[in-house]
All heavy atoms as atom14 arrays in JSON, in Angstrom:
{
  "sequence": "WDKRINLELVNGDGMTALDAAEERMDTMASFRKRLTWMALKSAGAPN",
  "atom14_mask": [
    [1, 1, 1, 1, 1, 1, 1, 1, 1, 1, 1, 1, 1, 1],
    [1, 1, 1, 1, 1, 1, 1, 1, 0, 0, 0, 0, 0, 0],
    [1, 1, 1, 1, 1, 1, 1, 1, 1, 0, 0, 0, 0, 0],
    [1, 1, 1, 1, 1, 1, 1, 1, 1, 1, 1, 0, 0, 0],
    [1, 1, 1, 1, 1, 1, 1, 1, 0, 0, 0, 0, 0, 0],
    [1, 1, 1, 1, 1, 1, 1, 1, 0, 0, 0, 0, 0, 0],
    [1, 1, 1, 1, 1, 1, 1, 1, 0, 0, 0, 0, 0, 0],
    [1, 1, 1, 1, 1, 1, 1, 1, 1, 0, 0, 0, 0, 0],
    [1, 1, 1, 1, 1, 1, 1, 1, 0, 0, 0, 0, 0, 0],
    [1, 1, 1, 1, 1, 1, 1, 0, 0, 0, 0, 0, 0, 0],
    [1, 1, 1, 1, 1, 1, 1, 1, 0, 0, 0, 0, 0, 0],
    [1, 1, 1, 1, 0, 0, 0, 0, 0, 0, 0, 0, 0, 0],
    [1, 1, 1, 1, 1, 1, 1, 1, 0, 0, 0, 0, 0, 0],
    [1, 1, 1, 1, 0, 0, 0, 0, 0, 0, 0, 0, 0, 0],
    [1, 1, 1, 1, 1, 1, 1, 1, 0, 0, 0, 0, 0, 0],
    [1, 1, 1, 1, 1, 1, 1, 0, 0, 0, 0, 0, 0, 0],
    [1, 1, 1, 1, 1, 0, 0, 0, 0, 0, 0, 0, 0, 0],
    [1, 1, 1, 1, 1, 1, 1, 1, 0, 0, 0, 0, 0, 0],
    [1, 1, 1, 1, 1, 1, 1, 1, 0, 0, 0, 0, 0, 0],
    [1, 1, 1, 1, 1, 0, 0, 0, 0, 0, 0, 0, 0, 0],
    [1, 1, 1, 1, 1, 0, 0, 0, 0, 0, 0, 0, 0, 0],
    [1, 1, 1, 1, 1, 1, 1, 1, 1, 0, 0, 0, 0, 0],
    [1, 1, 1, 1, 1, 1, 1, 1, 1, 0, 0, 0, 0, 0],
    [1, 1, 1, 1, 1, 1, 1, 1, 1, 1, 1, 0, 0, 0],
    [1, 1, 1, 1, 1, 1, 1, 1, 0, 0, 0, 0, 0, 0],
    [1, 1, 1, 1, 1, 1, 1, 1, 0, 0, 0, 0, 0, 0],
    [1, 1, 1, 1, 1, 1, 1, 0, 0, 0, 0, 0, 0, 0],
    [1, 1, 1, 1, 1, 1, 1, 1, 0, 0, 0, 0, 0, 0],
    [1, 1, 1, 1, 1, 0, 0, 0, 0, 0, 0, 0, 0, 0],
    [1, 1, 1, 1, 1, 1, 0, 0, 0, 0, 0, 0, 0, 0],
    [1, 1, 1, 1, 1, 1, 1, 1, 1, 1, 1, 0, 0, 0],
    [1, 1, 1, 1, 1, 1, 1, 1, 1, 1, 1, 0, 0, 0],
    [1, 1, 1, 1, 1, 1, 1, 1, 1, 0, 0, 0, 0, 0],
    [1, 1, 1, 1, 1, 1, 1, 1, 1, 1, 1, 0, 0, 0],
    [1, 1, 1, 1, 1, 1, 1, 1, 0, 0, 0, 0, 0, 0],
    [1, 1, 1, 1, 1, 1, 1, 0, 0, 0, 0, 0, 0, 0],
    [1, 1, 1, 1, 1, 1, 1, 1, 1, 1, 1, 1, 1, 1],
    [1, 1, 1, 1, 1, 1, 1, 1, 0, 0, 0, 0, 0, 0],
    [1, 1, 1, 1, 1, 0, 0, 0, 0, 0, 0, 0, 0, 0],
    [1, 1, 1, 1, 1, 1, 1, 1, 0, 0, 0, 0, 0, 0],
    [1, 1, 1, 1, 1, 1, 1, 1, 1, 0, 0, 0, 0, 0],
    [1, 1, 1, 1, 1, 1, 0, 0, 0, 0, 0, 0, 0, 0],
    [1, 1, 1, 1, 1, 0, 0, 0, 0, 0, 0, 0, 0, 0],
    [1, 1, 1, 1, 0, 0, 0, 0, 0, 0, 0, 0, 0, 0],
    [1, 1, 1, 1, 1, 0, 0, 0, 0, 0, 0, 0, 0, 0],
    [1, 1, 1, 1, 1, 1, 1, 0, 0, 0, 0, 0, 0, 0],
    [1, 1, 1, 1, 1, 1, 1, 1, 0, 0, 0, 0, 0, 0]
  ],
  "atom14_positions": [
    [[22.32, 10.22, 13.68], [22.68, 10.21, 15.09], [21.56, 9.67, 15.97], [21.78, 9.42, 17.16], [23.06, 11.62, 15.55], [24.48, 11.95, 15.24], [24.95, 12.67, 14.17], [25.64, 11.59, 15.99], [26.31, 12.76, 14.2], [26.77, 12.11, 15.31], [25.83, 10.86, 17.17], [28.06, 11.93, 15.79], [27.12, 10.69, 17.63], [28.22, 11.22, 16.95]],
    [[20.37, 9.51, 15.4], [19.25, 8.93, 16.14], [19.33, 7.4, 16.04], [19.3, 6.84, 14.94], [17.92, 9.43, 15.58], [16.75, 9.14, 16.51], [16.53, 7.95, 16.8], [16.07, 10.08, 16.92], [0.0, 0.0, 0.0], [0.0, 0.0, 0.0], [0.0, 0.0, 0.0], [0.0, 0.0, 0.0], [0.0, 0.0, 0.0], [0.0, 0.0, 0.0]],
    [[19.43, 6.73, 17.16], [19.61, 5.28, 17.17], [18.4, 4.52, 16.63], [18.51, 3.33, 16.31], [19.93, 4.81, 18.6], [21.26, 5.34, 19.12], [21.55, 4.83, 20.52], [22.89, 5.35, 21.03], [23.19, 4.87, 22.41], [0.0, 0.0, 0.0], [0.0, 0.0, 0.0], [0.0, 0.0, 0.0], [0.0, 0.0, 0.0], [0.0, 0.0, 0.0]],
    [[17.26, 5.19, 16.54], [16.06, 4.51, 16.03], [16.07, 4.39, 14.51], [15.29, 3.63, 13.94], [14.81, 5.27, 16.48], [14.6, 5.28, 17.99], [13.51, 6.25, 18.39], [13.88, 7.62, 18.07], [13.06, 8.66, 18.23], [11.84, 8.48, 18.7], [13.46, 9.88, 17.91], [0.0, 0.0, 0.0], [0.0, 0.0, 0.0], [0.0, 0.0, 0.0]],
    [[16.93, 5.15, 13.85], [17.02, 5.1, 12.39], [17.79, 3.84, 11.98], [18.9, 3.6, 12.44], [17.72, 6.35, 11.83], [16.92, 7.61, 12.2], [17.88, 6.24, 10.32], [15.56, 7.7, 11.56], [0.0, 0.0, 0.0], [0.0, 0.0, 0.0], [0.0, 0.0, 0.0], [0.0, 0.0, 0.0], [0.0, 0.0, 0.0], [0.0, 0.0, 0.0]],
    [[17.18, 3.06, 11.11], [17.81, 1.84, 10.61], [18.64, 2.2, 9.38], [18.1, 2.48, 8.3], [16.75, 0.8, 10.26], [17.35, -0.55, 9.94], [18.55, -0.67, 9.68], [16.52, -1.58, 9.94], [0.0, 0.0, 0.0], [0.0, 0.0, 0.0], [0.0, 0.0, 0.0], [0.0, 0.0, 0.0], [0.0, 0.0, 0.0], [0.0, 0.0, 0.0]],
    [[19.96, 2.18, 9.54], [20.86, 2.57, 8.45], [20.98, 1.5, 7.38], [21.5, 1.77, 6.3], [22.25, 2.87, 9.01], [22.34, 3.94, 10.1], [23.78, 4.1, 10.57], [21.81, 5.28, 9.61], [0.0, 0.0, 0.0], [0.0, 0.0, 0.0], [0.0, 0.0, 0.0], [0.0, 0.0, 0.0], [0.0, 0.0, 0.0], [0.0, 0.0, 0.0]],
    [[20.5, 0.29, 7.66], [20.68, -0.83, 6.73], [19.51, -1.03, 5.79], [19.58, -1.89, 4.91], [20.92, -2.11, 7.54], [22.18, -2.06, 8.39], [22.4, -3.34, 9.17], [21.54, -4.25, 9.05], [23.41, -3.44, 9.88], [0.0, 0.0, 0.0], [0.0, 0.0, 0.0], [0.0, 0.0, 0.0], [0.0, 0.0, 0.0], [0.0, 0.0, 0.0]],
    [[18.43, -0.26, 5.95], [17.28, -0.43, 5.07], [17.65, -0.08, 3.63], [18.39, 0.86, 3.36], [16.13, 0.46, 5.54], [15.46, 0.08, 6.87], [14.37, 1.08, 7.23], [14.89, -1.33, 6.8], [0.0, 0.0, 0.0], [0.0, 0.0, 0.0], [0.0, 0.0, 0.0], [0.0, 0.0, 0.0], [0.0, 0.0, 0.0], [0.0, 0.0, 0.0]],
    [[17.09, -0.84, 2.69], [17.33, -0.61, 1.27], [16.06, -0.14, 0.61], [14.94, -0.44, 1.06], [17.86, -1.89, 0.57], [19.2, -2.3, 1.15], [16.86, -3.03, 0.72], [0.0, 0.0, 0.0], [0.0, 0.0, 0.0], [0.0, 0.0, 0.0], [0.0, 0.0, 0.0], [0.0, 0.0, 0.0], [0.0, 0.0, 0.0], [0.0, 0.0, 0.0]],
    [[16.19, 0.62, -0.48], [15.02, 1.12, -1.21], [14.62, 0.13, -2.31], [15.1, -1.0, -2.35], [15.3, 2.51, -1.79], [16.48, 2.51, -2.75], [16.94, 1.46, -3.19], [16.94, 3.7, -3.1], [0.0, 0.0, 0.0], [0.0, 0.0, 0.0], [0.0, 0.0, 0.0], [0.0, 0.0, 0.0], [0.0, 0.0, 0.0], [0.0, 0.0, 0.0]],
    [[13.77, 0.58, -3.21], [13.28, -0.3, -4.27], [14.37, -0.76, -5.22], [14.21, -1.78, -5.91], [0.0, 0.0, 0.0], [0.0, 0.0, 0.0], [0.0, 0.0, 0.0], [0.0, 0.0, 0.0], [0.0, 0.0, 0.0], [0.0, 0.0, 0.0], [0.0, 0.0, 0.0], [0.0, 0.0, 0.0], [0.0, 0.0, 0.0], [0.0, 0.0, 0.0]],
    [[15.48, -0.03, -5.28], [16.61, -0.43, -6.13], [17.64, -1.26, -5.37], [18.72, -1.54, -5.89], [17.29, 0.82, -6.71], [16.38, 1.6, -7.63], [15.58, 0.96, -8.34], [16.46, 2.85, -7.63], [0.0, 0.0, 0.0], [0.0, 0.0, 0.0], [0.0, 0.0, 0.0], [0.0, 0.0, 0.0], [0.0, 0.0, 0.0], [0.0, 0.0, 0.0]],
    [[17.3, -1.63, -4.13], [18.21, -2.45, -3.35], [19.4, -1.69, -2.8], [20.43, -2.3, -2.5], [0.0, 0.0, 0.0], [0.0, 0.0, 0.0], [0.0, 0.0, 0.0], [0.0, 0.0, 0.0], [0.0, 0.0, 0.0], [0.0, 0.0, 0.0], [0.0, 0.0, 0.0], [0.0, 0.0, 0.0], [0.0, 0.0, 0.0], [0.0, 0.0, 0.0]],
    [[19.29, -0.37, -2.64], [20.41, 0.45, -2.17], [20.14, 1.01, -0.79], [19.02, 1.43, -0.48], [20.68, 1.6, -3.15], [21.2, 1.16, -4.5], [21.78, 2.55, -5.5], [20.23, 3.37, -5.84], [0.0, 0.0, 0.0], [0.0, 0.0, 0.0], [0.0, 0.0, 0.0], [0.0, 0.0, 0.0], [0.0, 0.0, 0.0], [0.0, 0.0, 0.0]],
    [[21.17, 1.01, 0.04], [21.1, 1.72, 1.31], [21.22, 3.22, 1.05], [21.46, 3.65, -0.08], [22.24, 1.27, 2.25], [23.49, 1.65, 1.66], [22.2, -0.24, 2.47], [0.0, 0.0, 0.0], [0.0, 0.0, 0.0], [0.0, 0.0, 0.0], [0.0, 0.0, 0.0], [0.0, 0.0, 0.0], [0.0, 0.0, 0.0], [0.0, 0.0, 0.0]],
    [[21.07, 4.01, 2.12], [21.2, 5.46, 1.96], [22.6, 5.84, 1.47], [22.77, 6.74, 0.64], [20.89, 6.17, 3.27], [0.0, 0.0, 0.0], [0.0, 0.0, 0.0], [0.0, 0.0, 0.0], [0.0, 0.0, 0.0], [0.0, 0.0, 0.0], [0.0, 0.0, 0.0], [0.0, 0.0, 0.0], [0.0, 0.0, 0.0], [0.0, 0.0, 0.0]],
    [[23.62, 5.13, 1.97], [24.98, 5.4, 1.53], [25.17, 5.04, 0.06], [25.81, 5.77, -0.7], [25.98, 4.62, 2.39], [27.46, 4.82, 2.07], [27.84, 6.29, 2.22], [28.32, 3.95, 2.96], [0.0, 0.0, 0.0], [0.0, 0.0, 0.0], [0.0, 0.0, 0.0], [0.0, 0.0, 0.0], [0.0, 0.0, 0.0], [0.0, 0.0, 0.0]],
    [[24.58, 3.91, -0.36], [24.64, 3.54, -1.77], [23.99, 4.6, -2.64], [24.51, 4.97, -3.7], [23.93, 2.2, -2.0], [24.64, 1.05, -1.32], [25.88, 1.07, -1.29], [23.96, 0.13, -0.84], [0.0, 0.0, 0.0], [0.0, 0.0, 0.0], [0.0, 0.0, 0.0], [0.0, 0.0, 0.0], [0.0, 0.0, 0.0], [0.0, 0.0, 0.0]],
    [[22.82, 5.09, -2.2], [22.08, 6.08, -2.97], [22.88, 7.37, -3.13], [22.86, 8.02, -4.18], [20.74, 6.37, -2.31], [0.0, 0.0, 0.0], [0.0, 0.0, 0.0], [0.0, 0.0, 0.0], [0.0, 0.0, 0.0], [0.0, 0.0, 0.0], [0.0, 0.0, 0.0], [0.0, 0.0, 0.0], [0.0, 0.0, 0.0], [0.0, 0.0, 0.0]],
    [[23.62, 7.74, -2.07], [24.47, 8.94, -2.15], [25.64, 8.72, -3.09], [25.95, 9.57, -3.93], [24.95, 9.32, -0.75], [0.0, 0.0, 0.0], [0.0, 0.0, 0.0], [0.0, 0.0, 0.0], [0.0, 0.0, 0.0], [0.0, 0.0, 0.0], [0.0, 0.0, 0.0], [0.0, 0.0, 0.0], [0.0, 0.0, 0.0], [0.0, 0.0, 0.0]],
    [[26.3, 7.57, -2.95], [27.47, 7.29, -3.77], [27.1, 7.09, -5.23], [27.89, 7.37, -6.13], [28.19, 6.06, -3.24], [28.85, 6.3, -1.89], [29.5, 5.05, -1.33], [29.18, 3.95, -1.82], [30.32, 5.19, -0.4], [0.0, 0.0, 0.0], [0.0, 0.0, 0.0], [0.0, 0.0, 0.0], [0.0, 0.0, 0.0], [0.0, 0.0, 0.0]],
    [[25.87, 6.64, -5.48], [25.4, 6.46, -6.85], [25.4, 7.77, -7.61], [25.59, 7.82, -8.82], [23.99, 5.87, -6.83], [23.39, 5.55, -8.19], [23.88, 4.23, -8.73], [24.62, 3.52, -8.03], [23.53, 3.91, -9.87], [0.0, 0.0, 0.0], [0.0, 0.0, 0.0], [0.0, 0.0, 0.0], [0.0, 0.0, 0.0], [0.0, 0.0, 0.0]],
    [[25.2, 8.87, -6.88], [25.09, 10.2, -7.5], [26.33, 11.06, -7.26], [26.33, 12.24, -7.58], [23.86, 10.92, -6.96], [22.56, 10.25, -7.4], [21.38, 10.67, -6.54], [20.16, 10.08, -7.04], [19.78, 8.83, -6.8], [20.54, 8.04, -6.07], [18.64, 8.36, -7.3], [0.0, 0.0, 0.0], [0.0, 0.0, 0.0], [0.0, 0.0, 0.0]],
    [[27.37, 10.47, -6.69], [28.61, 11.2, -6.45], [29.44, 11.22, -7.72], [29.89, 10.18, -8.19], [29.4, 10.54, -5.32], [30.67, 11.28, -4.95], [30.4, 12.73, -3.91], [30.22, 11.96, -2.31], [0.0, 0.0, 0.0], [0.0, 0.0, 0.0], [0.0, 0.0, 0.0], [0.0, 0.0, 0.0], [0.0, 0.0, 0.0], [0.0, 0.0, 0.0]],
    [[29.6, 12.41, -8.31], [30.36, 12.52, -9.55], [31.79, 12.95, -9.26], [32.19, 13.14, -8.12], [29.67, 13.49, -10.52], [29.37, 14.83, -9.87], [30.12, 15.23, -8.96], [28.39, 15.47, -10.26], [0.0, 0.0, 0.0], [0.0, 0.0, 0.0], [0.0, 0.0, 0.0], [0.0, 0.0, 0.0], [0.0, 0.0, 0.0], [0.0, 0.0, 0.0]],
    [[32.56, 13.11, -10.32], [33.97, 13.44, -10.17], [34.21, 14.88, -9.73], [35.31, 15.22, -9.34], [34.72, 13.2, -11.49], [34.11, 13.99, -12.52], [34.67, 11.73, -11.87], [0.0, 0.0, 0.0], [0.0, 0.0, 0.0], [0.0, 0.0, 0.0], [0.0, 0.0, 0.0], [0.0, 0.0, 0.0], [0.0, 0.0, 0.0], [0.0, 0.0, 0.0]],
    [[33.18, 15.72, -9.82], [33.3, 17.11, -9.37], [32.37, 17.34, -8.19], [31.6, 18.28, -8.15], [32.96, 18.07, -10.53], [33.9, 17.98, -11.71], [35.6, 18.36, -11.26], [35.45, 20.1, -10.91], [0.0, 0.0, 0.0], [0.0, 0.0, 0.0], [0.0, 0.0, 0.0], [0.0, 0.0, 0.0], [0.0, 0.0, 0.0], [0.0, 0.0, 0.0]],
    [[32.45, 16.43, -7.22], [31.55, 16.48, -6.08], [31.7, 17.81, -5.33], [32.8, 18.24, -5.02], [31.85, 15.32, -5.13], [0.0, 0.0, 0.0], [0.0, 0.0, 0.0], [0.0, 0.0, 0.0], [0.0, 0.0, 0.0], [0.0, 0.0, 0.0], [0.0, 0.0, 0.0], [0.0, 0.0, 0.0], [0.0, 0.0, 0.0], [0.0, 0.0, 0.0]],
    [[30.57, 18.42, -5.02], [30.58, 19.69, -4.3], [30.87, 19.45, -2.82], [30.84, 18.32, -2.33], [29.22, 20.39, -4.45], [28.2, 19.64, -3.81], [0.0, 0.0, 0.0], [0.0, 0.0, 0.0], [0.0, 0.0, 0.0], [0.0, 0.0, 0.0], [0.0, 0.0, 0.0], [0.0, 0.0, 0.0], [0.0, 0.0, 0.0], [0.0, 0.0, 0.0]],
    [[31.14, 20.53, -2.12], [31.43, 20.43, -0.69], [30.23, 19.86, 0.06], [30.39, 19.07, 1.0], [31.8, 21.82, -0.16], [32.18, 21.84, 1.29], [33.26, 21.11, 1.74], [31.46, 22.6, 2.19], [33.62, 21.13, 3.09], [31.81, 22.63, 3.52], [32.89, 21.89, 3.97], [0.0, 0.0, 0.0], [0.0, 0.0, 0.0], [0.0, 0.0, 0.0]],
    [[29.03, 20.26, -0.33], [27.82, 19.75, 0.34], [27.67, 18.25, 0.14], [27.29, 17.52, 1.06], [26.58, 20.48, -0.19], [25.35, 20.27, 0.66], [24.19, 21.08, 0.16], [23.54, 20.45, -0.96], [22.39, 20.84, -1.48], [21.76, 21.89, -0.96], [21.84, 20.23, -2.5], [0.0, 0.0, 0.0], [0.0, 0.0, 0.0], [0.0, 0.0, 0.0]],
    [[27.99, 17.76, -1.04], [27.93, 16.33, -1.3], [28.94, 15.57, -0.44], [28.65, 14.51, 0.1], [28.18, 16.05, -2.78], [27.08, 16.54, -3.71], [27.38, 16.2, -5.15], [26.28, 16.67, -6.08], [26.56, 16.33, -7.5], [0.0, 0.0, 0.0], [0.0, 0.0, 0.0], [0.0, 0.0, 0.0], [0.0, 0.0, 0.0], [0.0, 0.0, 0.0]],
    [[30.13, 16.13, -0.31], [31.16, 15.47, 0.47], [30.78, 15.43, 1.95], [31.0, 14.42, 2.63], [32.49, 16.2, 0.29], [32.98, 16.2, -1.15], [34.28, 16.94, -1.31], [34.67, 17.02, -2.71], [35.83, 17.49, -3.14], [36.71, 17.93, -2.27], [36.11, 17.52, -4.42], [0.0, 0.0, 0.0], [0.0, 0.0, 0.0], [0.0, 0.0, 0.0]],
    [[30.2, 16.51, 2.44], [29.76, 16.53, 3.84], [28.66, 15.5, 4.07], [28.63, 14.84, 5.13], [29.27, 17.93, 4.22], [30.33, 19.0, 4.46], [29.67, 20.31, 4.82], [31.29, 18.59, 5.56], [0.0, 0.0, 0.0], [0.0, 0.0, 0.0], [0.0, 0.0, 0.0], [0.0, 0.0, 0.0], [0.0, 0.0, 0.0], [0.0, 0.0, 0.0]],
    [[27.74, 15.37, 3.11], [26.68, 14.38, 3.24], [27.26, 12.98, 3.31], [26.86, 12.16, 4.14], [25.7, 14.5, 2.05], [25.18, 15.83, 1.99], [24.55, 13.52, 2.19], [0.0, 0.0, 0.0], [0.0, 0.0, 0.0], [0.0, 0.0, 0.0], [0.0, 0.0, 0.0], [0.0, 0.0, 0.0], [0.0, 0.0, 0.0], [0.0, 0.0, 0.0]],
    [[28.2, 12.71, 2.43], [28.84, 11.39, 2.41], [29.57, 11.13, 3.72], [29.49, 10.03, 4.29], [29.81, 11.33, 1.23], [30.45, 9.99, 1.07], [29.99, 8.92, 0.37], [31.7, 9.59, 1.64], [30.87, 7.87, 0.47], [31.93, 8.25, 1.24], [32.64, 10.22, 2.45], [33.06, 7.54, 1.62], [33.77, 9.52, 2.83], [33.98, 8.2, 2.41]],
    [[30.27, 12.14, 4.23], [31.0, 11.97, 5.48], [30.06, 11.72, 6.66], [30.38, 10.95, 7.57], [31.87, 13.19, 5.75], [33.12, 13.26, 4.9], [34.25, 14.57, 5.42], [33.33, 16.01, 4.91], [0.0, 0.0, 0.0], [0.0, 0.0, 0.0], [0.0, 0.0, 0.0], [0.0, 0.0, 0.0], [0.0, 0.0, 0.0], [0.0, 0.0, 0.0]],
    [[28.89, 12.4, 6.66], [27.92, 12.18, 7.74], [27.44, 10.74, 7.75], [27.26, 10.14, 8.81], [26.75, 13.14, 7.58], [0.0, 0.0, 0.0], [0.0, 0.0, 0.0], [0.0, 0.0, 0.0], [0.0, 0.0, 0.0], [0.0, 0.0, 0.0], [0.0, 0.0, 0.0], [0.0, 0.0, 0.0], [0.0, 0.0, 0.0], [0.0, 0.0, 0.0]],
    [[27.21, 10.17, 6.58], [26.78, 8.78, 6.48], [27.87, 7.82, 6.92], [27.63, 6.87, 7.67], [26.34, 8.47, 5.05], [25.03, 9.11, 4.58], [24.89, 9.01, 3.08], [23.84, 8.44, 5.26], [0.0, 0.0, 0.0], [0.0, 0.0, 0.0], [0.0, 0.0, 0.0], [0.0, 0.0, 0.0], [0.0, 0.0, 0.0], [0.0, 0.0, 0.0]],
    [[29.1, 8.07, 6.45], [30.2, 7.18, 6.8], [30.52, 7.23, 8.28], [30.78, 6.19, 8.91], [31.44, 7.53, 5.98], [31.35, 7.19, 4.51], [31.25, 5.7, 4.26], [32.52, 4.97, 4.59], [32.45, 3.53, 4.25], [0.0, 0.0, 0.0], [0.0, 0.0, 0.0], [0.0, 0.0, 0.0], [0.0, 0.0, 0.0], [0.0, 0.0, 0.0]],
    [[30.54, 8.41, 8.86], [30.88, 8.54, 10.28], [29.85, 7.89, 11.18], [30.16, 7.49, 12.3], [31.05, 10.02, 10.65], [29.83, 10.72, 10.45], [0.0, 0.0, 0.0], [0.0, 0.0, 0.0], [0.0, 0.0, 0.0], [0.0, 0.0, 0.0], [0.0, 0.0, 0.0], [0.0, 0.0, 0.0], [0.0, 0.0, 0.0], [0.0, 0.0, 0.0]],
    [[28.6, 7.77, 10.68], [27.55, 7.12, 11.46], [27.56, 5.6, 11.28], [26.78, 4.9, 11.92], [26.18, 7.67, 11.06], [0.0, 0.0, 0.0], [0.0, 0.0, 0.0], [0.0, 0.0, 0.0], [0.0, 0.0, 0.0], [0.0, 0.0, 0.0], [0.0, 0.0, 0.0], [0.0, 0.0, 0.0], [0.0, 0.0, 0.0], [0.0, 0.0, 0.0]],
    [[28.43, 5.12, 10.4], [28.51, 3.68, 10.18], [27.5, 3.14, 9.19], [27.18, 1.94, 9.21], [0.0, 0.0, 0.0], [0.0, 0.0, 0.0], [0.0, 0.0, 0.0], [0.0, 0.0, 0.0], [0.0, 0.0, 0.0], [0.0, 0.0, 0.0], [0.0, 0.0, 0.0], [0.0, 0.0, 0.0], [0.0, 0.0, 0.0], [0.0, 0.0, 0.0]],
    [[27.01, 4.0, 8.29], [26.05, 3.54, 7.28], [26.73, 2.52, 6.36], [27.83, 2.77, 5.87], [25.53, 4.72, 6.47], [0.0, 0.0, 0.0], [0.0, 0.0, 0.0], [0.0, 0.0, 0.0], [0.0, 0.0, 0.0], [0.0, 0.0, 0.0], [0.0, 0.0, 0.0], [0.0, 0.0, 0.0], [0.0, 0.0, 0.0], [0.0, 0.0, 0.0]],
    [[26.08, 1.37, 6.13], [26.73, 0.31, 5.34], [26.48, 0.46, 3.85], [25.58, 1.17, 3.42], [26.05, -0.95, 5.87], [24.66, -0.48, 6.2], [24.8, 0.93, 6.69], [0.0, 0.0, 0.0], [0.0, 0.0, 0.0], [0.0, 0.0, 0.0], [0.0, 0.0, 0.0], [0.0, 0.0, 0.0], [0.0, 0.0, 0.0], [0.0, 0.0, 0.0]],
    [[27.3, -0.22, 3.07], [27.08, -0.38, 1.64], [26.37, -1.71, 1.4], [26.49, -2.63, 2.18], [28.41, -0.38, 0.87], [29.01, 1.0, 0.75], [30.01, 1.28, 1.37], [28.4, 1.86, -0.03], [0.0, 0.0, 0.0], [0.0, 0.0, 0.0], [0.0, 0.0, 0.0], [0.0, 0.0, 0.0], [0.0, 0.0, 0.0], [0.0, 0.0, 0.0]]
  ]
}
């Protein structure tokens, strides 16, 4: 929610924050994981 945060930055593996979250999202995703993913998506974090 802070506009100073750059959502498009990639890490050493070339992944954005949303990519890094989805990389670890398994088929039995917990509620906390889903909320984290939704927070990223609602903020417009790119893949």
